[in-house]
Amino acid sequence: MLILALPKGRILKSVAPLLARAGIEPAADCLQEDSRRLRFPTNHPKLDVVRVRSFDVATFVAHGGAHLGVCGADVLMEFDYPELYAPLDLGIGGCRVSVARPQGDPPNEDWSRYSEVRVATKYPTITRRHFAARGINADIVHLNGAMELAPMLGLSRLIVDLVDTGSTLRANGLQEVETIAQITSRLVVNRTALKTRPEAIASLIARFRAALNPA
C-alpha cells in the first residue's frame, strides 16, 4: 500500500482538481474539513490518502510514514530533510514568506545597523538564515500561530510569516516590508521509497506531471 500525505486547509481545496486530473479519487469525506477521519481509501486499491497538518507533511514523508506528499516550499526550506526529493512544482497554494513590522515604524529603517533583532515566527531556520546573511542575529520567539499579536504585545519587533493577500497583517496594524521567498506547493517523495518501489512511485509522479500539462 502506498500512502499519499495531503495537507489540511486551503491547500487541500486547491489540490482537489489536480487529484481529479491525475485520476486519483479519495473518499468523498477526505475533502470535507469537518470529517474526523485522517486516512482515506482511493479509487486505486493500493493507494491511500492521509490528511495531516501542512507543517507535518514533510515529516511524515521524510520518516517513511507516507511515501509521497504535497507540501509548501516553505516547509521544505524550514526543515530541509535530505530524505526528501521534490520532483514537481504543482503551482498551487501561491503565497510568500515575508518580514512584517508595525505600520508606525519609520518607513526607511536600515536593518543593517542592528546587530540583533527579535522576531516572532514559526520559521526559525528560514528567519535566522535570512537575517544572518545581513550580519544580524535573529532572536527568535517561536510561535505556531497569531504571530500578528507579537509586536503589539511587546514579544517582538518583527514577525516572519506566510502572507497571501496581506489583509490579516493590515487588520492588525502591520505592514509587509520584505519578501524572503515566493512559495508554491510541491510534490515530495521519500528517496528510499523511490529506490525500493521505483515503478509504483514513478507512475504516481507521471500522473501528477500529466495533470499539470493536460493535453
N, C-alpha and C. Protein backbone atom coordinates (compact mmCIF):
# COMPACT_ATOMS: atom_id res chain seq x y z
N MET A 1 0.84 -1.20 0.00
CA MET A 1 0.00 0.00 0.00
C MET A 1 0.88 1.25 0.00
N LEU A 2 0.62 2.15 -0.95
CA LEU A 2 1.30 3.45 -0.96
C LEU A 2 0.44 4.47 -0.22
N ILE A 3 1.11 5.40 0.45
CA ILE A 3 0.41 6.44 1.22
C ILE A 3 0.80 7.80 0.65
N LEU A 4 -0.21 8.60 0.33
CA LEU A 4 -0.03 9.97 -0.14
C LEU A 4 -0.51 10.91 0.95
N ALA A 5 0.36 11.77 1.46
CA ALA A 5 0.01 12.71 2.53
C ALA A 5 -0.41 14.05 1.93
N LEU A 6 -1.58 14.52 2.35
CA LEU A 6 -2.10 15.80 1.89
C LEU A 6 -2.28 16.74 3.08
N PRO A 7 -2.08 18.05 2.86
CA PRO A 7 -2.22 19.00 3.96
C PRO A 7 -3.67 19.43 4.17
N LYS A 8 -4.04 19.64 5.40
CA LYS A 8 -5.35 20.20 5.71
C LYS A 8 -5.40 21.67 5.28
N GLY A 9 -6.60 22.23 5.23
CA GLY A 9 -6.74 23.66 4.99
C GLY A 9 -6.84 24.05 3.53
N ARG A 10 -6.37 25.25 3.23
CA ARG A 10 -6.59 25.83 1.91
C ARG A 10 -5.90 25.06 0.80
N ILE A 11 -4.75 24.45 1.09
CA ILE A 11 -4.04 23.70 0.05
C ILE A 11 -4.84 22.47 -0.36
N LEU A 12 -5.55 21.87 0.59
CA LEU A 12 -6.36 20.69 0.29
C LEU A 12 -7.41 21.03 -0.76
N LYS A 13 -8.03 22.19 -0.63
CA LYS A 13 -9.03 22.60 -1.62
C LYS A 13 -8.39 22.84 -2.99
N SER A 14 -7.19 23.39 -2.99
CA SER A 14 -6.52 23.67 -4.25
C SER A 14 -6.03 22.41 -4.95
N VAL A 15 -5.68 21.39 -4.15
CA VAL A 15 -5.12 20.17 -4.74
C VAL A 15 -6.21 19.25 -5.28
N ALA A 16 -7.46 19.45 -4.87
CA ALA A 16 -8.54 18.56 -5.29
C ALA A 16 -8.69 18.46 -6.81
N PRO A 17 -8.72 19.58 -7.55
CA PRO A 17 -8.82 19.47 -9.01
C PRO A 17 -7.62 18.77 -9.64
N LEU A 18 -6.45 18.96 -9.05
CA LEU A 18 -5.24 18.32 -9.56
C LEU A 18 -5.32 16.79 -9.37
N LEU A 19 -5.83 16.37 -8.22
CA LEU A 19 -6.01 14.94 -7.99
C LEU A 19 -6.98 14.35 -9.01
N ALA A 20 -8.06 15.09 -9.28
CA ALA A 20 -9.05 14.60 -10.24
C ALA A 20 -8.44 14.42 -11.62
N ARG A 21 -7.62 15.40 -12.04
CA ARG A 21 -6.98 15.29 -13.36
C ARG A 21 -5.95 14.17 -13.38
N ALA A 22 -5.39 13.85 -12.21
CA ALA A 22 -4.42 12.76 -12.12
C ALA A 22 -5.10 11.39 -12.01
N GLY A 23 -6.43 11.39 -11.97
CA GLY A 23 -7.16 10.15 -11.86
C GLY A 23 -7.14 9.53 -10.48
N ILE A 24 -6.93 10.37 -9.45
CA ILE A 24 -6.90 9.90 -8.06
C ILE A 24 -8.14 10.44 -7.36
N GLU A 25 -9.00 9.55 -6.90
CA GLU A 25 -10.26 9.95 -6.27
C GLU A 25 -10.32 9.41 -4.85
N PRO A 26 -9.97 10.23 -3.87
CA PRO A 26 -10.10 9.78 -2.47
C PRO A 26 -11.57 9.73 -2.07
N ALA A 27 -11.85 9.05 -0.97
CA ALA A 27 -13.21 9.02 -0.43
C ALA A 27 -13.73 10.45 -0.28
N ALA A 28 -15.04 10.62 -0.50
CA ALA A 28 -15.63 11.96 -0.57
C ALA A 28 -15.35 12.81 0.66
N ASP A 29 -15.33 12.18 1.84
CA ASP A 29 -15.15 12.99 3.05
C ASP A 29 -13.71 13.44 3.27
N CYS A 30 -12.79 12.99 2.42
CA CYS A 30 -11.39 13.44 2.53
C CYS A 30 -11.30 14.94 2.33
N LEU A 31 -12.14 15.49 1.48
CA LEU A 31 -12.08 16.92 1.16
C LEU A 31 -13.03 17.75 2.02
N GLN A 32 -13.64 17.13 3.00
CA GLN A 32 -14.55 17.82 3.90
C GLN A 32 -13.84 18.14 5.21
N GLU A 33 -13.73 19.41 5.51
CA GLU A 33 -12.96 19.84 6.69
C GLU A 33 -13.53 19.28 8.00
N ASP A 34 -14.84 18.98 8.02
CA ASP A 34 -15.45 18.51 9.26
C ASP A 34 -15.33 17.00 9.45
N SER A 35 -14.70 16.31 8.51
CA SER A 35 -14.51 14.87 8.66
C SER A 35 -13.49 14.59 9.75
N ARG A 36 -13.78 13.62 10.61
CA ARG A 36 -12.88 13.25 11.71
C ARG A 36 -11.84 12.22 11.26
N ARG A 37 -12.08 11.60 10.13
CA ARG A 37 -11.13 10.59 9.66
C ARG A 37 -9.83 11.26 9.19
N LEU A 38 -8.74 10.52 9.30
CA LEU A 38 -7.44 11.02 8.86
C LEU A 38 -6.86 10.19 7.72
N ARG A 39 -7.35 8.97 7.55
CA ARG A 39 -6.88 8.11 6.46
C ARG A 39 -8.07 7.71 5.59
N PHE A 40 -7.85 7.76 4.27
CA PHE A 40 -8.96 7.57 3.34
C PHE A 40 -8.54 6.64 2.19
N PRO A 41 -9.41 5.73 1.79
CA PRO A 41 -9.12 4.93 0.60
C PRO A 41 -9.30 5.78 -0.66
N THR A 42 -8.76 5.31 -1.76
CA THR A 42 -8.96 5.97 -3.06
C THR A 42 -9.50 4.95 -4.05
N ASN A 43 -9.70 5.40 -5.28
CA ASN A 43 -10.16 4.50 -6.33
C ASN A 43 -9.06 3.55 -6.79
N HIS A 44 -7.85 3.71 -6.25
CA HIS A 44 -6.76 2.78 -6.53
C HIS A 44 -6.57 1.88 -5.31
N PRO A 45 -6.76 0.58 -5.46
CA PRO A 45 -6.71 -0.33 -4.30
C PRO A 45 -5.41 -0.27 -3.51
N LYS A 46 -4.31 0.11 -4.15
CA LYS A 46 -3.02 0.12 -3.47
C LYS A 46 -2.55 1.53 -3.12
N LEU A 47 -3.48 2.49 -3.07
CA LEU A 47 -3.13 3.86 -2.70
C LEU A 47 -4.14 4.41 -1.70
N ASP A 48 -3.67 4.82 -0.54
CA ASP A 48 -4.48 5.53 0.45
C ASP A 48 -3.98 6.95 0.59
N VAL A 49 -4.85 7.82 1.06
CA VAL A 49 -4.51 9.21 1.33
C VAL A 49 -4.63 9.46 2.83
N VAL A 50 -3.65 10.19 3.41
CA VAL A 50 -3.78 10.64 4.79
C VAL A 50 -3.79 12.17 4.78
N ARG A 51 -4.52 12.73 5.73
CA ARG A 51 -4.67 14.18 5.83
C ARG A 51 -4.04 14.65 7.13
N VAL A 52 -3.02 15.51 7.04
CA VAL A 52 -2.26 15.94 8.22
C VAL A 52 -2.05 17.45 8.17
N ARG A 53 -1.54 18.02 9.24
CA ARG A 53 -1.21 19.44 9.26
C ARG A 53 -0.17 19.73 8.17
N SER A 54 -0.28 20.90 7.55
CA SER A 54 0.61 21.23 6.44
C SER A 54 2.08 21.16 6.83
N PHE A 55 2.39 21.55 8.08
CA PHE A 55 3.78 21.54 8.53
C PHE A 55 4.29 20.12 8.78
N ASP A 56 3.35 19.16 8.88
CA ASP A 56 3.74 17.79 9.18
C ASP A 56 3.90 16.90 7.95
N VAL A 57 3.45 17.36 6.79
CA VAL A 57 3.54 16.52 5.59
C VAL A 57 4.98 16.09 5.33
N ALA A 58 5.90 17.04 5.35
CA ALA A 58 7.30 16.73 5.06
C ALA A 58 7.86 15.72 6.06
N THR A 59 7.47 15.83 7.33
CA THR A 59 7.96 14.92 8.36
C THR A 59 7.43 13.50 8.12
N PHE A 60 6.15 13.39 7.80
CA PHE A 60 5.57 12.07 7.52
C PHE A 60 6.30 11.41 6.35
N VAL A 61 6.56 12.18 5.29
CA VAL A 61 7.20 11.60 4.11
C VAL A 61 8.68 11.31 4.38
N ALA A 62 9.37 12.23 5.02
CA ALA A 62 10.80 12.04 5.29
C ALA A 62 11.07 10.81 6.15
N HIS A 63 10.18 10.54 7.10
CA HIS A 63 10.39 9.42 8.02
C HIS A 63 9.70 8.14 7.56
N GLY A 64 9.11 8.16 6.38
CA GLY A 64 8.55 6.94 5.81
C GLY A 64 7.14 6.61 6.22
N GLY A 65 6.48 7.50 6.97
CA GLY A 65 5.08 7.27 7.31
C GLY A 65 4.18 7.37 6.09
N ALA A 66 4.60 8.20 5.15
CA ALA A 66 3.95 8.31 3.84
C ALA A 66 5.04 8.23 2.78
N HIS A 67 4.67 7.77 1.59
CA HIS A 67 5.65 7.62 0.52
C HIS A 67 5.77 8.88 -0.34
N LEU A 68 4.65 9.60 -0.48
CA LEU A 68 4.62 10.85 -1.23
C LEU A 68 3.78 11.85 -0.45
N GLY A 69 3.89 13.12 -0.83
CA GLY A 69 3.08 14.12 -0.18
C GLY A 69 3.04 15.41 -0.97
N VAL A 70 2.15 16.29 -0.55
CA VAL A 70 2.05 17.63 -1.14
C VAL A 70 2.29 18.63 -0.02
N CYS A 71 3.32 19.46 -0.16
CA CYS A 71 3.59 20.44 0.88
C CYS A 71 4.20 21.70 0.27
N GLY A 72 4.11 22.78 1.02
CA GLY A 72 4.62 24.06 0.56
C GLY A 72 6.14 24.11 0.57
N ALA A 73 6.68 24.92 -0.33
CA ALA A 73 8.13 25.09 -0.38
C ALA A 73 8.66 25.69 0.92
N ASP A 74 7.80 26.42 1.66
CA ASP A 74 8.22 26.98 2.95
C ASP A 74 8.59 25.87 3.93
N VAL A 75 7.82 24.78 3.91
CA VAL A 75 8.10 23.66 4.81
C VAL A 75 9.42 22.98 4.42
N LEU A 76 9.64 22.84 3.12
CA LEU A 76 10.90 22.23 2.66
C LEU A 76 12.09 23.11 3.04
N MET A 77 11.94 24.42 2.91
CA MET A 77 13.01 25.33 3.28
C MET A 77 13.30 25.29 4.77
N GLU A 78 12.26 25.17 5.57
CA GLU A 78 12.42 25.21 7.02
C GLU A 78 13.09 23.94 7.55
N PHE A 79 12.68 22.78 7.05
CA PHE A 79 13.19 21.52 7.61
C PHE A 79 14.35 20.93 6.80
N ASP A 80 14.37 21.16 5.50
CA ASP A 80 15.50 20.74 4.65
C ASP A 80 15.86 19.28 4.88
N TYR A 81 14.87 18.40 4.85
CA TYR A 81 15.11 16.97 5.06
C TYR A 81 15.88 16.39 3.88
N PRO A 82 17.03 15.74 4.11
CA PRO A 82 17.76 15.12 3.00
C PRO A 82 17.04 13.90 2.43
N GLU A 83 16.07 13.36 3.18
CA GLU A 83 15.34 12.18 2.74
C GLU A 83 14.29 12.50 1.69
N LEU A 84 14.08 13.78 1.42
CA LEU A 84 13.01 14.17 0.50
C LEU A 84 13.54 14.55 -0.88
N TYR A 85 12.78 14.16 -1.89
CA TYR A 85 13.02 14.55 -3.28
C TYR A 85 11.76 15.24 -3.76
N ALA A 86 11.89 16.42 -4.35
CA ALA A 86 10.74 17.20 -4.79
C ALA A 86 10.76 17.32 -6.31
N PRO A 87 10.16 16.36 -7.02
CA PRO A 87 10.26 16.34 -8.48
C PRO A 87 9.38 17.36 -9.20
N LEU A 88 8.29 17.83 -8.54
CA LEU A 88 7.35 18.68 -9.26
C LEU A 88 6.92 19.89 -8.44
N ASP A 89 6.93 21.05 -9.09
CA ASP A 89 6.27 22.24 -8.55
C ASP A 89 4.83 22.19 -9.05
N LEU A 90 3.87 22.06 -8.14
CA LEU A 90 2.47 21.90 -8.52
C LEU A 90 1.79 23.21 -8.86
N GLY A 91 2.44 24.33 -8.55
CA GLY A 91 1.90 25.63 -8.93
C GLY A 91 0.62 26.02 -8.22
N ILE A 92 0.35 25.42 -7.07
CA ILE A 92 -0.85 25.77 -6.30
C ILE A 92 -0.43 26.32 -4.94
N GLY A 93 -1.38 26.96 -4.26
CA GLY A 93 -1.09 27.48 -2.92
C GLY A 93 -0.11 28.62 -2.92
N GLY A 94 -0.13 29.42 -3.97
CA GLY A 94 0.84 30.51 -4.09
C GLY A 94 0.72 31.54 -2.96
N CYS A 95 1.85 31.87 -2.34
CA CYS A 95 1.91 32.88 -1.29
C CYS A 95 3.39 33.23 -1.10
N ARG A 96 3.76 33.82 0.02
CA ARG A 96 5.15 34.22 0.22
C ARG A 96 5.47 34.24 1.72
N VAL A 97 6.74 34.00 2.02
CA VAL A 97 7.24 34.18 3.38
C VAL A 97 7.82 35.58 3.46
N SER A 98 7.31 36.38 4.38
CA SER A 98 7.69 37.80 4.41
C SER A 98 8.00 38.28 5.83
N VAL A 99 8.74 39.38 5.85
CA VAL A 99 9.00 40.10 7.10
C VAL A 99 7.96 41.20 7.22
N ALA A 100 7.39 41.37 8.41
CA ALA A 100 6.43 42.44 8.63
C ALA A 100 6.74 43.15 9.95
N ARG A 101 6.33 44.41 10.02
CA ARG A 101 6.58 45.22 11.22
C ARG A 101 5.39 46.15 11.44
N PRO A 102 5.30 46.81 12.60
CA PRO A 102 4.19 47.73 12.85
C PRO A 102 4.16 48.87 11.84
N GLN A 103 2.95 49.28 11.48
CA GLN A 103 2.78 50.34 10.48
C GLN A 103 3.36 51.68 10.94
N GLY A 104 3.50 51.86 12.24
CA GLY A 104 4.01 53.12 12.76
C GLY A 104 5.52 53.24 12.77
N ASP A 105 6.23 52.17 12.41
CA ASP A 105 7.69 52.22 12.39
C ASP A 105 8.20 53.12 11.27
N PRO A 106 9.41 53.69 11.42
CA PRO A 106 9.98 54.52 10.35
C PRO A 106 10.00 53.76 9.03
N PRO A 107 9.56 54.37 7.93
CA PRO A 107 9.40 53.66 6.66
C PRO A 107 10.70 53.19 6.02
N ASN A 108 11.80 53.90 6.24
CA ASN A 108 13.06 53.54 5.57
C ASN A 108 14.13 53.10 6.55
N GLU A 109 13.71 52.34 7.55
CA GLU A 109 14.65 51.90 8.58
C GLU A 109 15.71 50.98 7.99
N ASP A 110 16.97 51.21 8.36
CA ASP A 110 18.10 50.43 7.85
C ASP A 110 18.40 49.29 8.81
N TRP A 111 18.03 48.04 8.40
CA TRP A 111 18.22 46.90 9.28
C TRP A 111 19.69 46.58 9.50
N SER A 112 20.54 46.94 8.57
CA SER A 112 21.95 46.55 8.67
C SER A 112 22.66 47.20 9.86
N ARG A 113 22.08 48.23 10.43
CA ARG A 113 22.73 48.88 11.56
C ARG A 113 22.48 48.16 12.88
N TYR A 114 21.61 47.14 12.85
CA TYR A 114 21.33 46.37 14.06
C TYR A 114 22.21 45.12 14.11
N SER A 115 22.66 44.77 15.30
CA SER A 115 23.39 43.50 15.46
C SER A 115 22.44 42.38 15.84
N GLU A 116 21.29 42.73 16.40
CA GLU A 116 20.31 41.72 16.81
C GLU A 116 18.91 42.30 16.72
N VAL A 117 17.96 41.45 16.34
CA VAL A 117 16.57 41.88 16.30
C VAL A 117 15.70 40.70 16.74
N ARG A 118 14.67 40.98 17.52
CA ARG A 118 13.78 39.92 17.99
C ARG A 118 12.64 39.73 16.99
N VAL A 119 12.42 38.46 16.60
CA VAL A 119 11.44 38.14 15.56
C VAL A 119 10.54 37.00 16.02
N ALA A 120 9.24 37.20 15.91
CA ALA A 120 8.28 36.13 16.20
C ALA A 120 7.97 35.39 14.89
N THR A 121 8.03 34.06 14.94
CA THR A 121 7.83 33.29 13.71
C THR A 121 7.64 31.82 14.02
N LYS A 122 7.06 31.11 13.06
CA LYS A 122 7.05 29.64 13.12
C LYS A 122 8.13 29.08 12.19
N TYR A 123 8.95 29.97 11.64
CA TYR A 123 10.03 29.58 10.73
C TYR A 123 11.40 29.99 11.29
N PRO A 124 11.85 29.39 12.39
CA PRO A 124 13.13 29.83 12.97
C PRO A 124 14.32 29.63 12.05
N THR A 125 14.36 28.54 11.30
CA THR A 125 15.50 28.29 10.42
C THR A 125 15.56 29.29 9.28
N ILE A 126 14.44 29.48 8.60
CA ILE A 126 14.38 30.45 7.50
C ILE A 126 14.72 31.85 8.01
N THR A 127 14.18 32.21 9.17
CA THR A 127 14.38 33.55 9.71
C THR A 127 15.84 33.78 10.09
N ARG A 128 16.43 32.84 10.80
CA ARG A 128 17.84 33.00 11.19
C ARG A 128 18.74 33.11 9.96
N ARG A 129 18.48 32.27 8.97
CA ARG A 129 19.30 32.28 7.75
C ARG A 129 19.16 33.62 7.02
N HIS A 130 17.95 34.13 6.96
CA HIS A 130 17.71 35.40 6.24
C HIS A 130 18.45 36.55 6.91
N PHE A 131 18.34 36.68 8.22
CA PHE A 131 18.98 37.80 8.90
C PHE A 131 20.48 37.60 9.05
N ALA A 132 20.92 36.34 9.18
CA ALA A 132 22.36 36.08 9.26
C ALA A 132 23.08 36.52 8.00
N ALA A 133 22.41 36.40 6.84
CA ALA A 133 23.01 36.83 5.58
C ALA A 133 23.27 38.33 5.58
N ARG A 134 22.64 39.06 6.48
CA ARG A 134 22.84 40.51 6.61
C ARG A 134 23.69 40.86 7.82
N GLY A 135 24.22 39.83 8.47
CA GLY A 135 25.05 40.07 9.65
C GLY A 135 24.26 40.41 10.88
N ILE A 136 22.99 40.00 10.92
CA ILE A 136 22.12 40.30 12.06
C ILE A 136 21.73 39.00 12.75
N ASN A 137 21.84 38.97 14.06
CA ASN A 137 21.40 37.81 14.83
C ASN A 137 19.91 37.93 15.10
N ALA A 138 19.15 36.91 14.69
CA ALA A 138 17.70 36.91 14.92
C ALA A 138 17.41 36.19 16.23
N ASP A 139 16.91 36.93 17.20
CA ASP A 139 16.48 36.36 18.48
C ASP A 139 15.04 35.89 18.27
N ILE A 140 14.84 34.57 18.22
CA ILE A 140 13.57 34.01 17.79
C ILE A 140 12.60 33.83 18.95
N VAL A 141 11.37 34.31 18.75
CA VAL A 141 10.23 33.96 19.60
C VAL A 141 9.41 32.97 18.78
N HIS A 142 9.46 31.69 19.15
CA HIS A 142 8.86 30.64 18.33
C HIS A 142 7.37 30.52 18.67
N LEU A 143 6.53 30.89 17.71
CA LEU A 143 5.07 30.77 17.86
C LEU A 143 4.54 29.90 16.72
N ASN A 144 3.41 29.25 16.97
CA ASN A 144 2.79 28.43 15.93
C ASN A 144 1.58 29.09 15.30
N GLY A 145 1.22 30.25 15.79
CA GLY A 145 0.08 30.98 15.24
C GLY A 145 -0.05 32.33 15.91
N ALA A 146 -0.97 33.16 15.38
CA ALA A 146 -1.23 34.50 15.94
C ALA A 146 0.03 35.33 16.04
N MET A 147 0.93 35.19 15.04
CA MET A 147 2.17 35.97 15.02
C MET A 147 1.90 37.47 15.06
N GLU A 148 0.76 37.88 14.48
CA GLU A 148 0.45 39.32 14.37
C GLU A 148 0.33 40.00 15.73
N LEU A 149 0.05 39.20 16.77
CA LEU A 149 -0.08 39.78 18.11
C LEU A 149 1.26 40.14 18.73
N ALA A 150 2.33 39.49 18.28
CA ALA A 150 3.62 39.62 18.95
C ALA A 150 4.12 41.06 19.05
N PRO A 151 4.14 41.85 17.96
CA PRO A 151 4.64 43.23 18.10
C PRO A 151 3.77 44.10 19.00
N MET A 152 2.44 43.95 18.90
CA MET A 152 1.57 44.83 19.70
C MET A 152 1.61 44.48 21.18
N LEU A 153 2.01 43.24 21.52
CA LEU A 153 2.08 42.83 22.92
C LEU A 153 3.51 42.84 23.46
N GLY A 154 4.44 43.34 22.65
CA GLY A 154 5.81 43.51 23.10
C GLY A 154 6.66 42.25 23.08
N LEU A 155 6.21 41.20 22.41
CA LEU A 155 7.00 39.98 22.34
C LEU A 155 8.15 40.10 21.35
N SER A 156 7.95 40.88 20.30
CA SER A 156 8.98 41.01 19.27
C SER A 156 8.80 42.32 18.54
N ARG A 157 9.85 42.69 17.81
CA ARG A 157 9.77 43.90 16.99
C ARG A 157 9.22 43.58 15.61
N LEU A 158 9.58 42.39 15.10
CA LEU A 158 9.19 41.97 13.75
C LEU A 158 8.51 40.61 13.81
N ILE A 159 7.85 40.25 12.71
CA ILE A 159 7.40 38.88 12.54
C ILE A 159 7.84 38.40 11.15
N VAL A 160 8.00 37.10 11.03
CA VAL A 160 8.19 36.46 9.73
C VAL A 160 7.08 35.43 9.61
N ASP A 161 6.26 35.58 8.57
CA ASP A 161 5.09 34.70 8.46
C ASP A 161 4.73 34.49 6.99
N LEU A 162 3.82 33.55 6.78
CA LEU A 162 3.30 33.28 5.45
C LEU A 162 2.24 34.33 5.14
N VAL A 163 2.35 34.96 3.97
CA VAL A 163 1.44 36.03 3.59
C VAL A 163 0.78 35.69 2.26
N ASP A 164 -0.53 35.87 2.21
CA ASP A 164 -1.26 35.67 0.96
C ASP A 164 -1.69 37.04 0.42
N THR A 165 -2.78 37.58 0.93
CA THR A 165 -3.24 38.90 0.47
C THR A 165 -2.69 40.03 1.33
N GLY A 166 -2.24 39.72 2.55
CA GLY A 166 -1.76 40.76 3.46
C GLY A 166 -2.87 41.39 4.30
N SER A 167 -4.11 40.93 4.12
CA SER A 167 -5.23 41.55 4.83
C SER A 167 -5.15 41.33 6.34
N THR A 168 -4.65 40.16 6.77
CA THR A 168 -4.53 39.90 8.21
C THR A 168 -3.48 40.81 8.83
N LEU A 169 -2.38 41.04 8.10
CA LEU A 169 -1.36 41.96 8.60
C LEU A 169 -1.96 43.36 8.79
N ARG A 170 -2.62 43.84 7.76
CA ARG A 170 -3.19 45.20 7.82
C ARG A 170 -4.23 45.32 8.92
N ALA A 171 -5.04 44.28 9.11
CA ALA A 171 -6.09 44.32 10.14
C ALA A 171 -5.50 44.38 11.54
N ASN A 172 -4.23 44.00 11.67
CA ASN A 172 -3.57 44.01 12.98
C ASN A 172 -2.45 45.03 13.06
N GLY A 173 -2.52 46.05 12.22
CA GLY A 173 -1.60 47.18 12.32
C GLY A 173 -0.19 46.90 11.85
N LEU A 174 -0.02 45.92 10.97
CA LEU A 174 1.31 45.56 10.48
C LEU A 174 1.42 45.82 8.99
N GLN A 175 2.66 45.98 8.54
CA GLN A 175 2.91 46.15 7.11
C GLN A 175 4.03 45.20 6.67
N GLU A 176 3.85 44.64 5.49
CA GLU A 176 4.85 43.76 4.91
C GLU A 176 5.99 44.62 4.38
N VAL A 177 7.23 44.32 4.76
CA VAL A 177 8.35 45.17 4.37
C VAL A 177 9.37 44.44 3.50
N GLU A 178 9.33 43.11 3.49
CA GLU A 178 10.32 42.38 2.70
C GLU A 178 9.84 40.96 2.42
N THR A 179 10.02 40.52 1.21
CA THR A 179 9.69 39.14 0.85
C THR A 179 10.95 38.29 0.92
N ILE A 180 10.89 37.22 1.71
CA ILE A 180 12.03 36.31 1.80
C ILE A 180 11.99 35.29 0.67
N ALA A 181 10.80 34.74 0.39
CA ALA A 181 10.69 33.72 -0.66
C ALA A 181 9.26 33.62 -1.16
N GLN A 182 9.11 33.42 -2.47
CA GLN A 182 7.82 33.10 -3.05
C GLN A 182 7.58 31.60 -2.87
N ILE A 183 6.34 31.24 -2.54
CA ILE A 183 6.04 29.86 -2.16
C ILE A 183 4.94 29.28 -3.04
N THR A 184 5.15 28.04 -3.49
CA THR A 184 4.10 27.22 -4.08
C THR A 184 4.22 25.82 -3.48
N SER A 185 3.23 24.98 -3.75
CA SER A 185 3.26 23.63 -3.20
C SER A 185 4.00 22.69 -4.14
N ARG A 186 4.69 21.72 -3.56
CA ARG A 186 5.50 20.75 -4.31
C ARG A 186 5.02 19.33 -4.04
N LEU A 187 5.23 18.48 -5.01
CA LEU A 187 5.08 17.04 -4.78
C LEU A 187 6.41 16.55 -4.22
N VAL A 188 6.36 15.91 -3.06
CA VAL A 188 7.59 15.40 -2.44
C VAL A 188 7.52 13.89 -2.32
N VAL A 189 8.68 13.25 -2.42
CA VAL A 189 8.78 11.80 -2.43
C VAL A 189 9.86 11.36 -1.45
N ASN A 190 9.62 10.28 -0.74
CA ASN A 190 10.65 9.69 0.11
C ASN A 190 11.69 9.01 -0.78
N ARG A 191 12.95 9.36 -0.62
CA ARG A 191 14.01 8.85 -1.51
C ARG A 191 14.16 7.33 -1.40
N THR A 192 14.01 6.79 -0.20
CA THR A 192 14.13 5.35 -0.04
C THR A 192 12.99 4.63 -0.76
N ALA A 193 11.78 5.17 -0.65
CA ALA A 193 10.64 4.58 -1.35
C ALA A 193 10.84 4.61 -2.86
N LEU A 194 11.45 5.69 -3.35
CA LEU A 194 11.70 5.80 -4.78
C LEU A 194 12.67 4.72 -5.25
N LYS A 195 13.61 4.35 -4.38
CA LYS A 195 14.58 3.30 -4.74
C LYS A 195 13.99 1.90 -4.61
N THR A 196 13.16 1.70 -3.59
CA THR A 196 12.65 0.35 -3.34
C THR A 196 11.38 0.03 -4.12
N ARG A 197 10.63 1.08 -4.50
CA ARG A 197 9.40 0.86 -5.27
C ARG A 197 9.37 1.82 -6.45
N PRO A 198 10.37 1.75 -7.30
CA PRO A 198 10.53 2.75 -8.36
C PRO A 198 9.37 2.82 -9.35
N GLU A 199 8.82 1.68 -9.74
CA GLU A 199 7.76 1.70 -10.74
C GLU A 199 6.48 2.33 -10.20
N ALA A 200 6.09 1.94 -8.98
CA ALA A 200 4.86 2.48 -8.40
C ALA A 200 4.98 3.98 -8.14
N ILE A 201 6.12 4.41 -7.60
CA ILE A 201 6.32 5.83 -7.32
C ILE A 201 6.40 6.63 -8.62
N ALA A 202 7.16 6.12 -9.59
CA ALA A 202 7.29 6.82 -10.87
C ALA A 202 5.95 6.95 -11.57
N SER A 203 5.09 5.96 -11.43
CA SER A 203 3.77 6.02 -12.04
C SER A 203 2.94 7.15 -11.45
N LEU A 204 3.01 7.33 -10.13
CA LEU A 204 2.26 8.41 -9.49
C LEU A 204 2.83 9.77 -9.86
N ILE A 205 4.16 9.87 -9.92
CA ILE A 205 4.77 11.13 -10.34
C ILE A 205 4.31 11.48 -11.76
N ALA A 206 4.27 10.47 -12.63
CA ALA A 206 3.85 10.69 -14.01
C ALA A 206 2.39 11.16 -14.07
N ARG A 207 1.55 10.62 -13.20
CA ARG A 207 0.14 11.05 -13.16
C ARG A 207 0.05 12.54 -12.81
N PHE A 208 0.81 12.95 -11.79
CA PHE A 208 0.79 14.36 -11.40
C PHE A 208 1.37 15.25 -12.50
N ARG A 209 2.42 14.78 -13.14
CA ARG A 209 3.03 15.56 -14.23
C ARG A 209 2.03 15.76 -15.37
N ALA A 210 1.32 14.68 -15.72
CA ALA A 210 0.31 14.76 -16.78
C ALA A 210 -0.84 15.70 -16.38
N ALA A 211 -1.18 15.69 -15.09
CA ALA A 211 -2.26 16.57 -14.61
C ALA A 211 -1.88 18.04 -14.71
N LEU A 212 -0.57 18.31 -14.59
CA LEU A 212 -0.09 19.70 -14.71
C LEU A 212 -0.06 20.16 -16.15
N ASN A 213 0.04 19.21 -17.08
CA ASN A 213 0.14 19.53 -18.50
C ASN A 213 -0.89 18.74 -19.30
N PRO A 214 -2.17 19.04 -19.04
CA PRO A 214 -3.22 18.27 -19.74
C PRO A 214 -3.16 18.51 -21.25
N ALA A 215 -3.44 17.46 -21.98
CA ALA A 215 -3.39 17.57 -23.46
C ALA A 215 -4.51 18.47 -23.96
